[in-house]
Amino acid sequence: MHELGYVEPKQEISVEAADGSVTEVRLHDGSVLTLKKLNREWDPHDKSRVLAALEESRKKQELLMGLLYFRPQVPTLEDTLAMVETPLIRLDEAVLDPGPGPLERFNAASR
């Protein structure tokens, strides 16, 4: 979408922006970033509107700020990977090592 090159470490630049505003931020090297903050009325569930806004911002060379897109019905990474609540460091070897069968099936499926 947008490409940012290397910026040498310098003093932090912070910006306060009102909803819906467009703000130009001058960087230490003299270049300017144009930031556009989304309105409170923005609907992050409307995928086609999100794509249109991204295309418009690309044409205007603006970086959009805010929650662009959200799909609540998508399972979380933890759900997808069937992660356990217990931290791995607290699990014993019997739980962590499923034995050779599952590993062989996984490797066969990956070939």
Protein backbone atom coordinates (compact mmCIF):
# COMPACT_ATOMS: atom_id res chain seq x y z
CA MET A 1 0.00 0.00 0.00
CA HIS A 2 2.43 2.61 1.25
CA GLU A 3 6.18 2.33 1.40
CA LEU A 4 8.27 3.94 4.09
CA GLY A 5 12.01 4.05 3.63
CA TYR A 6 14.65 3.99 6.34
CA VAL A 7 14.39 6.87 8.79
CA GLU A 8 17.46 7.52 10.93
CA PRO A 9 16.70 7.36 14.68
CA LYS A 10 15.98 10.86 15.96
CA GLN A 11 13.81 12.52 18.56
CA GLU A 12 10.23 11.19 18.54
CA ILE A 13 7.70 13.13 16.49
CA SER A 14 4.16 12.97 17.87
CA VAL A 15 0.99 14.40 16.40
CA GLU A 16 -2.51 15.00 17.73
CA ALA A 17 -5.15 14.76 15.04
CA ALA A 18 -8.90 15.33 15.15
CA ASP A 19 -11.24 12.73 13.64
CA GLY A 20 -11.47 13.13 9.88
CA SER A 21 -8.56 15.55 9.74
CA VAL A 22 -5.60 15.55 7.37
CA THR A 23 -2.27 16.44 8.98
CA GLU A 24 1.10 16.99 7.35
CA VAL A 25 4.04 15.88 9.46
CA ARG A 26 7.55 17.06 8.62
CA LEU A 27 10.17 14.42 9.34
CA HIS A 28 13.73 15.09 10.44
CA ASP A 29 15.06 14.67 6.90
CA GLY A 30 12.65 17.33 5.62
CA SER A 31 10.25 14.92 3.93
CA VAL A 32 6.54 15.19 4.70
CA LEU A 33 4.02 12.49 5.61
CA THR A 34 0.37 13.27 5.05
CA LEU A 35 -1.79 11.50 7.64
CA LYS A 36 -5.56 11.19 7.43
CA LYS A 37 -7.39 10.14 10.59
CA LEU A 38 -10.63 8.22 10.05
CA ASN A 39 -13.93 9.67 11.29
CA ARG A 40 -15.73 8.15 14.28
CA GLU A 41 -18.52 7.18 11.89
CA TRP A 42 -16.12 4.95 9.91
CA ASP A 43 -17.46 1.40 9.54
CA PRO A 44 -14.55 -1.09 9.70
CA HIS A 45 -16.89 -3.94 8.66
CA ASP A 46 -17.53 -2.63 5.12
CA LYS A 47 -14.78 -4.30 3.07
CA SER A 48 -15.61 -2.57 -0.24
CA ARG A 49 -15.55 0.85 1.43
CA VAL A 50 -12.21 0.01 3.05
CA LEU A 51 -10.71 -0.95 -0.30
CA ALA A 52 -12.05 2.23 -1.92
CA ALA A 53 -10.62 4.35 0.91
CA LEU A 54 -7.23 2.68 0.55
CA GLU A 55 -7.21 3.36 -3.19
CA GLU A 56 -8.23 6.98 -2.65
CA SER A 57 -5.55 7.47 -0.02
CA ARG A 58 -2.95 5.96 -2.35
CA LYS A 59 -3.91 8.43 -5.09
CA LYS A 60 -3.72 11.34 -2.64
CA GLN A 61 -0.51 9.98 -1.09
CA GLU A 62 -2.07 9.95 2.38
CA LEU A 63 -1.54 7.40 5.15
CA LEU A 64 -4.80 6.39 6.80
CA MET A 65 -4.86 6.26 10.61
CA GLY A 66 -7.35 4.24 12.62
CA LEU A 67 -9.00 0.83 12.53
CA LEU A 68 -9.46 0.22 8.81
CA TYR A 69 -10.96 -3.26 8.70
CA PHE A 70 -12.31 -5.74 11.22
CA ARG A 71 -14.00 -9.12 10.77
CA PRO A 72 -15.27 -10.34 14.15
CA GLN A 73 -16.48 -13.68 12.77
CA VAL A 74 -12.93 -14.76 11.92
CA PRO A 75 -11.47 -17.08 14.56
CA THR A 76 -8.56 -15.78 16.57
CA LEU A 77 -5.04 -17.10 16.02
CA GLU A 78 -5.28 -18.90 19.36
CA ASP A 79 -8.46 -20.67 18.22
CA THR A 80 -7.03 -21.51 14.80
CA LEU A 81 -3.90 -23.06 16.31
CA ALA A 82 -5.84 -24.75 19.14
CA MET A 83 -3.51 -23.17 21.67
CA VAL A 84 -3.79 -24.10 25.33
CA GLU A 85 -4.31 -21.65 28.19
CA THR A 86 -1.26 -22.94 30.09
CA PRO A 87 2.07 -21.37 29.07
CA LEU A 88 4.28 -23.91 27.27
CA ILE A 89 6.97 -23.63 29.90
CA ARG A 90 4.53 -25.02 32.47
CA LEU A 91 3.50 -28.06 30.41
CA ASP A 92 5.29 -31.35 31.03
CA GLU A 93 6.96 -33.41 28.33
CA ALA A 94 4.12 -35.93 28.12
CA VAL A 95 1.76 -33.17 26.97
CA LEU A 96 4.27 -31.50 24.65
CA ASP A 97 5.44 -34.67 22.87
CA PRO A 98 2.58 -36.31 20.94
CA GLY A 99 4.81 -39.22 19.89
CA PRO A 100 5.92 -40.30 16.41
CA GLY A 101 2.44 -40.92 14.93
CA PRO A 102 1.21 -37.31 14.63
CA LEU A 103 4.63 -36.13 13.43
CA GLU A 104 4.71 -38.78 10.70
CA ARG A 105 1.17 -37.82 9.57
CA PHE A 106 2.10 -34.12 9.55
CA ASN A 107 5.26 -34.75 7.52
CA ALA A 108 3.37 -36.97 5.06
CA ALA A 109 0.71 -34.29 4.56
CA SER A 110 3.42 -31.66 4.00
CA ARG A 111 5.10 -33.52 1.16
